[in-house]
Amino acid sequence: ELENQLTTKSKTLDELKQSLAMNGSAEETSEALSLRIAELCEKVDSIVSQVAQLKTSMQSVLEQWRVYDEVYAEVSLMTARYVYCIDQCKPSVVSLEALKNQVKILQ
């Protein structure tokens, strides 16, 4: 969206330059206006460059978040598996009588 707005502003500045060039009046105000338009064009070019850099940075950040999400999902799954295994491996608390009965059964 920002790139589209910058493109529109650049076109408007170009139209102003052309309009100023067509009028061709050598007045002081048109010269000042011409300098101001040139300055604005430089600023727009600078902003376009900054937006391109920001876009590249954001793509890198998005890629890093994608990798993070994948690793997080994998770690979450592993954690759930380990919790399940730990729960299954816990010795159940048994009374002495129950253990004696179990020994008799096994004998």
N, C-alpha and C. Protein backbone atom coordinates (compact mmCIF):
# COMPACT_ATOMS: atom_id res chain seq x y z
N GLU A 1 0.83 -1.19 0.00
CA GLU A 1 0.00 0.00 0.00
C GLU A 1 0.88 1.25 0.00
N LEU A 2 1.91 1.20 0.84
CA LEU A 2 2.82 2.34 0.92
C LEU A 2 3.55 2.55 -0.40
N GLU A 3 3.93 1.45 -1.04
CA GLU A 3 4.60 1.56 -2.34
C GLU A 3 3.67 2.19 -3.37
N ASN A 4 2.40 1.83 -3.34
CA ASN A 4 1.43 2.41 -4.28
C ASN A 4 1.28 3.91 -4.04
N GLN A 5 1.22 4.29 -2.77
CA GLN A 5 1.10 5.71 -2.46
C GLN A 5 2.33 6.49 -2.93
N LEU A 6 3.50 5.90 -2.74
CA LEU A 6 4.73 6.56 -3.19
C LEU A 6 4.76 6.69 -4.71
N THR A 7 4.29 5.68 -5.40
CA THR A 7 4.24 5.74 -6.86
C THR A 7 3.31 6.86 -7.31
N THR A 8 2.17 6.98 -6.65
CA THR A 8 1.21 8.04 -6.98
C THR A 8 1.83 9.41 -6.74
N LYS A 9 2.50 9.56 -5.61
CA LYS A 9 3.13 10.85 -5.29
C LYS A 9 4.24 11.18 -6.28
N SER A 10 4.99 10.17 -6.69
CA SER A 10 6.05 10.39 -7.68
C SER A 10 5.48 10.86 -9.00
N LYS A 11 4.37 10.25 -9.41
CA LYS A 11 3.72 10.66 -10.66
C LYS A 11 3.24 12.11 -10.57
N THR A 12 2.68 12.45 -9.41
CA THR A 12 2.20 13.82 -9.21
C THR A 12 3.36 14.81 -9.30
N LEU A 13 4.48 14.47 -8.70
CA LEU A 13 5.65 15.35 -8.77
C LEU A 13 6.17 15.47 -10.20
N ASP A 14 6.17 14.36 -10.93
CA ASP A 14 6.60 14.40 -12.34
C ASP A 14 5.67 15.30 -13.16
N GLU A 15 4.37 15.21 -12.89
CA GLU A 15 3.41 16.08 -13.60
C GLU A 15 3.67 17.54 -13.26
N LEU A 16 3.99 17.83 -12.01
CA LEU A 16 4.31 19.20 -11.61
C LEU A 16 5.56 19.69 -12.34
N LYS A 17 6.57 18.83 -12.43
CA LYS A 17 7.79 19.21 -13.15
C LYS A 17 7.48 19.54 -14.61
N GLN A 18 6.69 18.67 -15.24
CA GLN A 18 6.35 18.88 -16.65
C GLN A 18 5.54 20.15 -16.80
N SER A 19 4.63 20.37 -15.92
CA SER A 19 3.80 21.57 -15.98
C SER A 19 4.67 22.81 -15.82
N LEU A 20 5.60 22.77 -14.92
CA LEU A 20 6.49 23.90 -14.68
C LEU A 20 7.39 24.13 -15.89
N ALA A 21 7.86 23.04 -16.49
CA ALA A 21 8.72 23.16 -17.67
C ALA A 21 7.96 23.73 -18.85
N MET A 22 6.69 23.38 -18.99
CA MET A 22 5.88 23.88 -20.10
C MET A 22 5.59 25.37 -19.95
N ASN A 23 5.35 25.78 -18.74
CA ASN A 23 5.07 27.20 -18.51
C ASN A 23 6.30 28.03 -18.81
N GLY A 24 7.46 27.52 -18.42
CA GLY A 24 8.72 28.13 -18.79
C GLY A 24 8.93 29.56 -18.32
N SER A 25 8.13 30.03 -17.42
CA SER A 25 8.31 31.40 -16.96
C SER A 25 9.55 31.47 -16.08
N ALA A 26 10.31 32.50 -16.24
CA ALA A 26 11.59 32.64 -15.54
C ALA A 26 11.42 33.41 -14.25
N GLU A 27 10.27 33.37 -13.71
CA GLU A 27 10.01 34.07 -12.46
C GLU A 27 10.76 33.40 -11.32
N GLU A 28 10.99 34.18 -10.31
CA GLU A 28 11.69 33.68 -9.13
C GLU A 28 10.88 32.60 -8.43
N THR A 29 9.58 32.75 -8.41
CA THR A 29 8.73 31.77 -7.74
C THR A 29 8.76 30.43 -8.44
N SER A 30 8.79 30.43 -9.76
CA SER A 30 8.82 29.15 -10.47
C SER A 30 10.16 28.47 -10.28
N GLU A 31 11.23 29.26 -10.13
CA GLU A 31 12.55 28.67 -9.86
C GLU A 31 12.56 28.04 -8.47
N ALA A 32 12.01 28.75 -7.50
CA ALA A 32 11.92 28.21 -6.14
C ALA A 32 11.05 26.97 -6.12
N LEU A 33 9.97 27.02 -6.87
CA LEU A 33 9.07 25.86 -6.96
C LEU A 33 9.79 24.69 -7.60
N SER A 34 10.56 24.97 -8.61
CA SER A 34 11.32 23.93 -9.30
C SER A 34 12.32 23.28 -8.35
N LEU A 35 13.00 24.10 -7.54
CA LEU A 35 13.94 23.55 -6.56
C LEU A 35 13.21 22.71 -5.51
N ARG A 36 12.07 23.18 -5.10
CA ARG A 36 11.28 22.46 -4.10
C ARG A 36 10.80 21.12 -4.65
N ILE A 37 10.39 21.11 -5.90
CA ILE A 37 9.94 19.86 -6.53
C ILE A 37 11.10 18.89 -6.63
N ALA A 38 12.27 19.38 -7.01
CA ALA A 38 13.46 18.52 -7.10
C ALA A 38 13.79 17.93 -5.73
N GLU A 39 13.69 18.75 -4.70
CA GLU A 39 13.94 18.30 -3.34
C GLU A 39 12.94 17.23 -2.92
N LEU A 40 11.69 17.44 -3.26
CA LEU A 40 10.65 16.45 -2.94
C LEU A 40 10.89 15.15 -3.69
N CYS A 41 11.33 15.24 -4.92
CA CYS A 41 11.62 14.03 -5.71
C CYS A 41 12.74 13.23 -5.06
N GLU A 42 13.77 13.93 -4.58
CA GLU A 42 14.87 13.25 -3.90
C GLU A 42 14.37 12.56 -2.63
N LYS A 43 13.50 13.23 -1.90
CA LYS A 43 12.95 12.64 -0.67
C LYS A 43 12.11 11.42 -1.00
N VAL A 44 11.31 11.51 -2.05
CA VAL A 44 10.49 10.36 -2.45
C VAL A 44 11.38 9.19 -2.83
N ASP A 45 12.46 9.47 -3.59
CA ASP A 45 13.39 8.39 -3.97
C ASP A 45 14.02 7.76 -2.73
N SER A 46 14.37 8.60 -1.77
CA SER A 46 14.95 8.10 -0.53
C SER A 46 13.95 7.21 0.22
N ILE A 47 12.72 7.65 0.28
CA ILE A 47 11.67 6.87 0.96
C ILE A 47 11.43 5.56 0.23
N VAL A 48 11.42 5.59 -1.08
CA VAL A 48 11.23 4.36 -1.86
C VAL A 48 12.35 3.37 -1.53
N SER A 49 13.57 3.88 -1.44
CA SER A 49 14.70 3.02 -1.09
C SER A 49 14.54 2.45 0.31
N GLN A 50 14.11 3.27 1.25
CA GLN A 50 13.91 2.81 2.62
C GLN A 50 12.80 1.76 2.70
N VAL A 51 11.75 1.97 1.93
CA VAL A 51 10.64 1.00 1.91
C VAL A 51 11.13 -0.34 1.35
N ALA A 52 11.97 -0.28 0.31
CA ALA A 52 12.51 -1.52 -0.25
C ALA A 52 13.36 -2.25 0.78
N GLN A 53 14.18 -1.51 1.53
CA GLN A 53 14.99 -2.13 2.58
C GLN A 53 14.10 -2.71 3.68
N LEU A 54 13.08 -1.97 4.05
CA LEU A 54 12.16 -2.45 5.08
C LEU A 54 11.44 -3.72 4.62
N LYS A 55 11.05 -3.74 3.37
CA LYS A 55 10.37 -4.91 2.82
C LYS A 55 11.28 -6.14 2.89
N THR A 56 12.55 -5.95 2.52
CA THR A 56 13.52 -7.05 2.59
C THR A 56 13.69 -7.52 4.03
N SER A 57 13.81 -6.57 4.95
CA SER A 57 13.95 -6.92 6.37
C SER A 57 12.72 -7.67 6.87
N MET A 58 11.56 -7.20 6.49
CA MET A 58 10.32 -7.84 6.95
C MET A 58 10.20 -9.26 6.39
N GLN A 59 10.64 -9.47 5.15
CA GLN A 59 10.59 -10.82 4.60
C GLN A 59 11.52 -11.73 5.38
N SER A 60 12.68 -11.21 5.78
CA SER A 60 13.61 -11.99 6.58
C SER A 60 12.99 -12.32 7.94
N VAL A 61 12.37 -11.34 8.56
CA VAL A 61 11.74 -11.55 9.87
C VAL A 61 10.60 -12.57 9.75
N LEU A 62 9.81 -12.46 8.70
CA LEU A 62 8.71 -13.41 8.51
C LEU A 62 9.23 -14.83 8.32
N GLU A 63 10.34 -14.97 7.60
CA GLU A 63 10.94 -16.28 7.41
C GLU A 63 11.43 -16.84 8.75
N GLN A 64 12.05 -15.97 9.56
CA GLN A 64 12.51 -16.41 10.87
C GLN A 64 11.34 -16.82 11.76
N TRP A 65 10.23 -16.10 11.71
CA TRP A 65 9.04 -16.47 12.49
C TRP A 65 8.47 -17.79 12.00
N ARG A 66 8.50 -18.01 10.70
CA ARG A 66 8.00 -19.28 10.15
C ARG A 66 8.83 -20.44 10.70
N VAL A 67 10.15 -20.28 10.69
CA VAL A 67 11.04 -21.31 11.23
C VAL A 67 10.77 -21.51 12.72
N TYR A 68 10.61 -20.40 13.44
CA TYR A 68 10.30 -20.47 14.88
C TYR A 68 9.02 -21.26 15.12
N ASP A 69 7.98 -20.95 14.34
CA ASP A 69 6.70 -21.65 14.51
C ASP A 69 6.85 -23.15 14.28
N GLU A 70 7.63 -23.52 13.25
CA GLU A 70 7.84 -24.94 12.97
C GLU A 70 8.56 -25.62 14.12
N VAL A 71 9.63 -24.99 14.61
CA VAL A 71 10.40 -25.57 15.70
C VAL A 71 9.56 -25.62 16.97
N TYR A 72 8.79 -24.57 17.23
CA TYR A 72 7.93 -24.54 18.42
C TYR A 72 6.91 -25.69 18.37
N ALA A 73 6.32 -25.91 17.21
CA ALA A 73 5.36 -27.01 17.08
C ALA A 73 6.03 -28.35 17.34
N GLU A 74 7.25 -28.50 16.83
CA GLU A 74 7.97 -29.75 17.03
C GLU A 74 8.32 -29.95 18.51
N VAL A 75 8.79 -28.89 19.16
CA VAL A 75 9.13 -28.98 20.58
C VAL A 75 7.88 -29.25 21.42
N SER A 76 6.77 -28.63 21.08
CA SER A 76 5.53 -28.87 21.81
C SER A 76 5.11 -30.33 21.70
N LEU A 77 5.23 -30.88 20.51
CA LEU A 77 4.88 -32.29 20.31
C LEU A 77 5.80 -33.20 21.12
N MET A 78 7.10 -32.92 21.09
CA MET A 78 8.05 -33.73 21.86
C MET A 78 7.76 -33.62 23.36
N THR A 79 7.45 -32.43 23.81
CA THR A 79 7.14 -32.24 25.23
C THR A 79 5.91 -33.05 25.63
N ALA A 80 4.90 -33.03 24.78
CA ALA A 80 3.70 -33.81 25.08
C ALA A 80 4.02 -35.30 25.14
N ARG A 81 4.88 -35.77 24.23
CA ARG A 81 5.27 -37.18 24.24
C ARG A 81 6.03 -37.53 25.52
N TYR A 82 6.95 -36.66 25.92
CA TYR A 82 7.72 -36.92 27.13
C TYR A 82 6.83 -36.91 28.37
N VAL A 83 5.90 -36.00 28.43
CA VAL A 83 4.97 -35.96 29.58
C VAL A 83 4.16 -37.26 29.61
N TYR A 84 3.72 -37.71 28.46
CA TYR A 84 2.96 -38.97 28.40
C TYR A 84 3.83 -40.14 28.88
N CYS A 85 5.08 -40.19 28.39
CA CYS A 85 5.98 -41.28 28.79
C CYS A 85 6.24 -41.25 30.29
N ILE A 86 6.47 -40.07 30.82
CA ILE A 86 6.74 -39.94 32.25
C ILE A 86 5.52 -40.39 33.05
N ASP A 87 4.34 -40.00 32.59
CA ASP A 87 3.12 -40.42 33.29
C ASP A 87 2.96 -41.94 33.26
N GLN A 88 3.33 -42.55 32.13
CA GLN A 88 3.18 -44.00 32.00
C GLN A 88 4.23 -44.75 32.82
N CYS A 89 5.38 -44.15 33.02
CA CYS A 89 6.48 -44.82 33.71
C CYS A 89 6.47 -44.62 35.22
N LYS A 90 5.61 -43.77 35.70
CA LYS A 90 5.56 -43.52 37.14
C LYS A 90 5.12 -44.79 37.86
N PRO A 91 5.85 -45.10 38.91
CA PRO A 91 5.39 -46.27 39.68
C PRO A 91 4.13 -45.87 40.44
N SER A 92 3.19 -46.76 40.41
CA SER A 92 1.97 -46.46 41.14
C SER A 92 2.21 -46.70 42.62
N VAL A 93 1.59 -45.91 43.43
CA VAL A 93 1.73 -46.05 44.87
C VAL A 93 0.83 -47.20 45.30
N VAL A 94 1.48 -48.23 45.85
CA VAL A 94 0.74 -49.43 46.21
C VAL A 94 0.97 -49.70 47.70
N SER A 95 -0.02 -50.22 48.32
CA SER A 95 0.10 -50.54 49.75
C SER A 95 0.91 -51.83 49.92
N LEU A 96 1.38 -52.04 51.11
CA LEU A 96 2.16 -53.24 51.42
C LEU A 96 1.32 -54.50 51.21
N GLU A 97 0.07 -54.43 51.58
CA GLU A 97 -0.83 -55.59 51.42
C GLU A 97 -1.00 -55.93 49.95
N ALA A 98 -1.15 -54.89 49.12
CA ALA A 98 -1.33 -55.14 47.68
C ALA A 98 -0.08 -55.77 47.10
N LEU A 99 1.09 -55.33 47.54
CA LEU A 99 2.34 -55.92 47.06
C LEU A 99 2.47 -57.37 47.50
N LYS A 100 2.09 -57.66 48.71
CA LYS A 100 2.14 -59.06 49.19
C LYS A 100 1.22 -59.94 48.37
N ASN A 101 0.04 -59.43 48.06
CA ASN A 101 -0.90 -60.20 47.25
C ASN A 101 -0.33 -60.41 45.84
N GLN A 102 0.31 -59.41 45.30
CA GLN A 102 0.89 -59.51 43.97
C GLN A 102 2.00 -60.56 43.97
N VAL A 103 2.81 -60.57 45.01
CA VAL A 103 3.89 -61.57 45.13
C VAL A 103 3.29 -62.98 45.19
N LYS A 104 2.24 -63.15 45.97
CA LYS A 104 1.59 -64.47 46.07
C LYS A 104 1.06 -64.92 44.72
N ILE A 105 0.46 -63.98 44.01
CA ILE A 105 -0.09 -64.31 42.68
C ILE A 105 1.03 -64.73 41.73
N LEU A 106 2.13 -64.00 41.78
CA LEU A 106 3.23 -64.30 40.88
C LEU A 106 3.91 -65.62 41.26
N GLN A 107 3.92 -65.96 42.53
CA GLN A 107 4.54 -67.23 42.95
C GLN A 107 3.68 -68.38 42.49
